[in-house]
């Protein structure tokens, strides 16, 4: 991937239904060039699916991140164990057999059983468990003013899009026996109210690029917007970050670079930031995406 491919992937991760024209205008490319770049990523196995599911808000999910050194000797067995759990959606393997595991809980009472499962199955004796607090995909101030219910037709639309979120509205309408105008209206409401997650299954490790997790600890005196300012400063190479409500001043920044030289320079820049107390990068070698209970669309 070059930088344009990478930004294109980020746009699709945020909204996989963006039209070729919208993507082309954003990237200052032709529609044909955008189409070719997306197809190239599909052919390389970088983009494997265009997905739709109820959002974290709509499903009332709690997002957690578990990470630490593993003693496992079999990645194949590890993948199978994580996949069958039903709450774990992501597994990434970094240097030194360091694992990153993302999961969704229906309620906080599921936390202890899940952590115990990961400790045993992934052979992580001393995992770090973070309840994520950022970044938010929706502004908190608007939550009290919106209808967060998914109605029957909403669920039918999400189910229709689940394996191909770029499906034309006319095709969805034909499947559901409603008008294309109705489908567009329902989709617009779900997107406006942050009730649908339109994204892609993205495997950047299928390319020759370097994906790195920067473990960043901010200084106690750093302002509450310090992480956001770092994200903005290093974008688009830094894709996003996770902060944790139960681990103050600790963040995982996910970054993309083309070369080890770029990675080294990014680390040096992070270390010089006035708000950063410490930084430790860990290169991701492979990753896996799994279906969870969140991918089961309710009847509505």
Protein backbone atom coordinates (compact mmCIF):
# COMPACT_ATOMS: atom_id res chain seq x y z
CA UNK A 1 0.00 0.00 0.00
CA UNK A 2 1.06 3.56 -0.57
CA UNK A 3 -0.21 6.46 1.53
CA UNK A 4 -3.24 6.97 -0.70
CA UNK A 5 -4.22 3.31 -0.38
CA UNK A 6 -3.86 3.58 3.36
CA UNK A 7 -6.07 6.68 3.61
CA UNK A 8 -8.60 4.98 1.33
CA UNK A 9 -8.69 2.03 3.75
CA UNK A 10 -9.26 4.37 6.70
CA UNK A 11 -12.17 6.02 4.91
CA UNK A 12 -13.75 2.63 4.24
CA UNK A 13 -13.13 1.48 7.81
CA UNK A 14 -15.16 4.50 8.96
CA UNK A 15 -17.91 4.14 6.33
CA UNK A 16 -17.77 1.33 3.80
CA UNK A 17 -20.77 2.67 1.88
CA UNK A 18 -19.00 5.81 0.70
CA UNK A 19 -19.48 5.97 -3.05
CA UNK A 20 -16.60 5.84 -5.51
CA UNK A 21 -17.37 9.48 -6.34
CA UNK A 22 -17.24 10.56 -2.67
CA UNK A 23 -13.96 8.70 -2.19
CA UNK A 24 -12.54 10.13 -5.41
CA UNK A 25 -13.42 13.69 -4.42
CA UNK A 26 -11.88 13.24 -0.95
CA UNK A 27 -8.66 11.78 -2.35
CA UNK A 28 -8.51 14.01 -5.44
CA UNK A 29 -8.50 10.95 -7.72
CA UNK A 30 -10.63 9.74 -10.58
CA UNK A 31 -13.48 7.32 -9.93
CA UNK A 32 -11.65 4.72 -12.00
CA UNK A 33 -8.49 5.11 -9.93
CA UNK A 34 -10.43 4.63 -6.69
CA UNK A 35 -12.16 1.55 -8.07
CA UNK A 36 -8.83 0.07 -9.17
CA UNK A 37 -7.19 0.75 -5.81
CA UNK A 38 -10.03 -0.91 -3.90
CA UNK A 39 -10.00 -3.89 -6.25
CA UNK A 40 -6.23 -4.20 -5.83
CA UNK A 41 -6.61 -4.35 -2.04
CA UNK A 42 -9.30 -7.00 -2.44
CA UNK A 43 -7.08 -9.04 -4.78
CA UNK A 44 -4.19 -8.83 -2.29
CA UNK A 45 -6.38 -9.97 0.58
CA UNK A 46 -6.05 -6.67 2.44
CA UNK A 47 -9.79 -5.95 2.20
CA UNK A 48 -11.73 -9.19 2.65
CA UNK A 49 -15.26 -8.07 3.29
CA UNK A 50 -17.47 -4.98 3.39
CA UNK A 51 -19.44 -5.34 6.62
CA UNK A 52 -22.49 -3.97 8.44
CA UNK A 53 -23.75 -4.63 11.95
CA UNK A 54 -25.50 -2.82 14.79
CA UNK A 55 -23.24 -0.22 16.36
CA UNK A 56 -21.73 -0.42 19.83
CA UNK A 57 -24.37 2.11 20.90
CA UNK A 58 -27.27 0.11 19.46
CA UNK A 59 -26.03 -3.19 20.91
CA UNK A 60 -25.12 -1.63 24.31
CA UNK A 61 -21.74 -3.36 24.08
CA UNK A 62 -18.81 -2.82 26.43
CA UNK A 63 -15.49 -2.83 24.57
CA UNK A 64 -12.43 -4.24 26.30
CA UNK A 65 -8.84 -4.81 25.30
CA UNK A 66 -6.63 -7.51 26.81
CA UNK A 67 -2.91 -7.61 26.08
CA UNK A 68 0.26 -9.23 27.35
CA UNK A 69 2.98 -11.79 26.76
CA UNK A 70 1.79 -15.27 25.84
CA UNK A 71 3.47 -18.62 26.46
CA UNK A 72 1.52 -20.36 23.69
CA UNK A 73 3.48 -22.39 21.17
CA UNK A 74 0.70 -22.84 18.58
CA UNK A 75 -0.88 -19.91 16.78
CA UNK A 76 -3.26 -22.27 14.97
CA UNK A 77 -4.68 -23.60 18.23
CA UNK A 78 -4.77 -20.09 19.69
CA UNK A 79 -6.75 -18.76 16.72
CA UNK A 80 -9.29 -21.59 17.04
CA UNK A 81 -9.76 -20.96 20.76
CA UNK A 82 -10.26 -17.22 20.33
CA UNK A 83 -12.62 -17.69 17.39
CA UNK A 84 -15.01 -20.02 19.21
CA UNK A 85 -15.39 -17.75 22.24
CA UNK A 86 -18.18 -15.61 20.81
CA UNK A 87 -17.11 -12.33 22.44
CA UNK A 88 -13.59 -11.97 21.01
CA UNK A 89 -13.55 -10.11 17.70
CA UNK A 90 -9.82 -9.49 17.15
CA UNK A 91 -6.52 -11.20 17.83
CA UNK A 92 -3.17 -9.68 16.87
CA UNK A 93 0.26 -11.16 17.40
CA UNK A 94 3.21 -8.85 17.99
CA UNK A 95 6.90 -9.26 18.68
CA UNK A 96 7.94 -11.52 21.54
CA UNK A 97 4.63 -13.42 21.33
CA UNK A 98 2.84 -10.36 22.68
CA UNK A 99 -0.91 -10.64 22.07
CA UNK A 100 -3.63 -8.02 21.64
CA UNK A 101 -7.19 -9.28 22.07
CA UNK A 102 -10.29 -7.15 21.55
CA UNK A 103 -13.70 -8.26 22.83
CA UNK A 104 -17.27 -7.06 23.39
CA UNK A 105 -19.23 -7.73 26.55
CA UNK A 106 -23.00 -7.62 26.94
CA UNK A 107 -22.57 -6.50 30.55
CA UNK A 108 -19.73 -6.03 33.00
CA UNK A 109 -20.49 -9.33 34.76
CA UNK A 110 -18.98 -11.11 31.73
CA UNK A 111 -15.59 -9.47 32.30
CA UNK A 112 -14.09 -11.87 34.85
CA UNK A 113 -15.10 -15.08 33.01
CA UNK A 114 -13.73 -13.71 29.73
CA UNK A 115 -10.42 -12.65 31.29
CA UNK A 116 -10.07 -16.08 32.88
CA UNK A 117 -10.77 -17.70 29.52
CA UNK A 118 -8.10 -15.59 27.85
CA UNK A 119 -5.56 -16.22 30.60
CA UNK A 120 -6.02 -19.98 30.22
CA UNK A 121 -6.62 -20.32 26.47
CA UNK A 122 -4.10 -17.71 25.30
CA UNK A 123 -1.64 -18.61 28.05
CA UNK A 124 -1.23 -15.02 29.23
CA UNK A 125 -0.48 -15.36 32.96
CA UNK A 126 -0.46 -11.62 33.68
CA UNK A 127 -2.72 -9.85 31.16
CA UNK A 128 -3.42 -6.14 31.16
CA UNK A 129 -7.18 -5.61 30.94
CA UNK A 130 -8.43 -2.26 29.69
CA UNK A 131 -12.03 -1.07 29.51
CA UNK A 132 -11.86 1.27 26.55
CA UNK A 133 -12.98 4.85 26.87
CA UNK A 134 -11.86 6.34 23.56
CA UNK A 135 -12.01 7.24 20.79
CA UNK A 136 -15.74 7.74 20.58
CA UNK A 137 -17.51 7.30 17.28
CA UNK A 138 -20.35 9.55 18.41
CA UNK A 139 -20.54 12.78 20.44
CA UNK A 140 -21.74 12.15 23.99
CA UNK A 141 -23.74 15.37 24.04
CA UNK A 142 -26.13 14.05 21.39
CA UNK A 143 -26.99 10.72 23.03
CA UNK A 144 -29.85 12.04 25.13
CA UNK A 145 -31.46 13.61 22.08
CA UNK A 146 -31.62 10.64 19.71
CA UNK A 147 -33.75 7.54 19.29
CA UNK A 148 -31.39 4.60 19.75
CA UNK A 149 -33.92 1.89 18.90
CA UNK A 150 -33.48 -0.46 15.97
CA UNK A 151 -36.84 -1.26 14.39
CA UNK A 152 -37.71 -4.42 12.48
CA UNK A 153 -36.99 -2.89 9.07
CA UNK A 154 -33.70 -1.46 10.36
CA UNK A 155 -32.61 -4.93 11.41
CA UNK A 156 -33.65 -6.39 8.07
CA UNK A 157 -31.58 -3.77 6.25
CA UNK A 158 -28.52 -4.44 8.44
CA UNK A 159 -28.93 -8.18 7.87
CA UNK A 160 -29.11 -7.62 4.11
CA UNK A 161 -25.90 -5.57 4.23
CA UNK A 162 -23.98 -7.76 6.69
CA UNK A 163 -21.93 -9.62 4.06
CA UNK A 164 -21.73 -6.75 1.56
CA UNK A 165 -22.28 -3.29 2.97
CA UNK A 166 -21.81 -1.71 -0.48
CA UNK A 167 -24.93 -3.42 -1.83
CA UNK A 168 -27.11 -0.96 -3.81
CA UNK A 169 -30.26 0.32 -2.10
CA UNK A 170 -32.33 -0.92 -5.04
CA UNK A 171 -31.11 -4.47 -4.40
CA UNK A 172 -31.90 -4.22 -0.68
CA UNK A 173 -35.34 -2.83 -1.52
CA UNK A 174 -36.01 -5.75 -3.86
CA UNK A 175 -35.04 -8.27 -1.18
CA UNK A 176 -37.22 -6.66 1.49
CA UNK A 177 -40.20 -5.68 -0.64
CA UNK A 178 -40.01 -1.97 0.13
CA UNK A 179 -39.06 1.08 -1.91
CA UNK A 180 -35.49 2.20 -2.44
CA UNK A 181 -36.53 5.56 -0.98
CA UNK A 182 -37.58 3.83 2.24
CA UNK A 183 -34.26 1.97 2.46
CA UNK A 184 -32.30 5.20 1.95
CA UNK A 185 -34.37 6.97 4.61
CA UNK A 186 -33.90 4.18 7.16
CA UNK A 187 -30.16 3.95 6.43
CA UNK A 188 -29.77 7.71 6.80
CA UNK A 189 -31.53 7.63 10.17
CA UNK A 190 -29.33 4.79 11.44
CA UNK A 191 -26.16 6.53 10.29
CA UNK A 192 -27.24 9.90 11.70
CA UNK A 193 -28.08 8.33 15.07
CA UNK A 194 -24.91 6.17 15.21
CA UNK A 195 -26.89 2.91 15.18
CA UNK A 196 -25.14 1.10 12.34
CA UNK A 197 -21.47 0.24 11.88
CA UNK A 198 -20.42 0.17 8.23
CA UNK A 199 -16.83 -0.99 7.88
CA UNK A 200 -14.46 -3.49 6.28
CA UNK A 201 -12.57 -6.58 7.33
CA UNK A 202 -9.06 -5.18 6.92
CA UNK A 203 -5.85 -7.23 6.99
CA UNK A 204 -2.94 -4.82 6.44
CA UNK A 205 -0.49 -7.60 7.31
CA UNK A 206 -1.28 -9.06 3.88
CA UNK A 207 0.86 -6.24 2.45
CA UNK A 208 4.52 -5.43 3.07
CA UNK A 209 3.65 -2.45 5.25
CA UNK A 210 4.36 -2.18 8.97
CA UNK A 211 1.56 -1.92 11.51
CA UNK A 212 2.77 -0.98 14.98
CA UNK A 213 1.13 -0.57 18.37
CA UNK A 214 2.73 2.26 20.32
CA UNK A 215 2.29 1.79 24.06
CA UNK A 216 2.21 5.40 25.21
CA UNK A 217 2.12 6.61 28.78
CA UNK A 218 1.33 10.28 29.15
CA UNK A 219 2.66 12.45 31.95
CA UNK A 220 0.24 12.93 34.88
CA UNK A 221 0.03 16.65 34.12
CA UNK A 222 -0.91 16.10 30.46
CA UNK A 223 -4.23 17.70 29.57
CA UNK A 224 -7.37 15.68 28.90
CA UNK A 225 -7.05 16.35 25.17
CA UNK A 226 -3.38 15.32 24.93
CA UNK A 227 -4.12 11.97 23.25
CA UNK A 228 -6.43 13.62 20.70
CA UNK A 229 -3.74 16.19 19.92
CA UNK A 230 -1.18 13.43 19.32
CA UNK A 231 -3.62 11.59 17.06
CA UNK A 232 -4.23 14.74 15.04
CA UNK A 233 -0.52 15.53 14.81
CA UNK A 234 0.51 12.08 13.57
CA UNK A 235 -2.50 11.37 11.32
CA UNK A 236 -2.92 9.69 8.95
CA UNK A 237 0.02 7.44 9.88
CA UNK A 238 -1.51 7.02 13.32
CA UNK A 239 -4.91 5.53 12.59
CA UNK A 240 -6.60 5.64 15.99
CA UNK A 241 -5.92 5.02 19.66
CA UNK A 242 -7.54 3.30 22.59
CA UNK A 243 -7.54 4.77 26.07
CA UNK A 244 -8.82 2.99 29.15
CA UNK A 245 -11.15 4.19 31.87
CA UNK A 246 -9.47 1.88 34.40
CA UNK A 247 -5.82 2.59 33.41
CA UNK A 248 -5.13 6.35 33.63
CA UNK A 249 -2.71 7.99 31.18
CA UNK A 250 -2.14 4.75 29.22
CA UNK A 251 -2.92 4.58 25.50
CA UNK A 252 -2.41 2.24 22.58
CA UNK A 253 -1.78 4.14 19.34
CA UNK A 254 -2.08 2.09 16.14
CA UNK A 255 0.26 3.32 13.40
CA UNK A 256 1.13 2.53 9.78
CA UNK A 257 4.55 3.05 8.22
CA UNK A 258 6.13 1.95 4.96
CA UNK A 259 9.65 1.29 6.27
CA UNK A 260 11.54 0.60 9.48
CA UNK A 261 13.21 4.00 9.02
CA UNK A 262 9.79 5.67 9.14
CA UNK A 263 8.94 3.64 12.23
CA UNK A 264 12.16 4.64 13.98
CA UNK A 265 11.58 8.30 13.20
CA UNK A 266 8.02 8.12 14.51
CA UNK A 267 9.23 6.60 17.76
CA UNK A 268 11.85 9.33 18.14
CA UNK A 269 9.21 12.00 17.56
CA UNK A 270 6.89 10.43 20.14
CA UNK A 271 9.71 10.33 22.69
CA UNK A 272 10.27 14.07 22.22
CA UNK A 273 6.65 15.01 22.85
CA UNK A 274 6.27 17.18 25.93
CA UNK A 275 3.21 15.25 27.14
CA UNK A 276 4.71 11.76 26.70
CA UNK A 277 6.33 10.03 29.67
CA UNK A 278 7.26 6.80 27.88
CA UNK A 279 6.67 5.04 24.56
CA UNK A 280 7.27 1.44 23.50
CA UNK A 281 6.43 0.27 19.96
CA UNK A 282 5.49 -3.31 19.13
CA UNK A 283 5.22 -4.43 15.50
CA UNK A 284 2.17 -6.55 14.61
CA UNK A 285 3.05 -9.62 12.56
CA UNK A 286 -0.38 -11.08 11.96
CA UNK A 287 -4.00 -10.54 12.93
CA UNK A 288 -7.35 -12.29 12.82
CA UNK A 289 -10.94 -11.02 12.83
CA UNK A 290 -13.77 -13.11 14.28
CA UNK A 291 -17.56 -12.91 14.35
CA UNK A 292 -19.13 -12.30 17.75
CA UNK A 293 -22.57 -11.98 19.29
CA UNK A 294 -22.60 -8.42 17.91
CA UNK A 295 -22.77 -9.82 14.37
CA UNK A 296 -26.07 -11.57 15.12
CA UNK A 297 -28.62 -8.98 14.04
CA UNK A 298 -31.73 -8.91 16.30
CA UNK A 299 -35.19 -9.33 14.86
CA UNK A 300 -36.11 -5.82 15.93
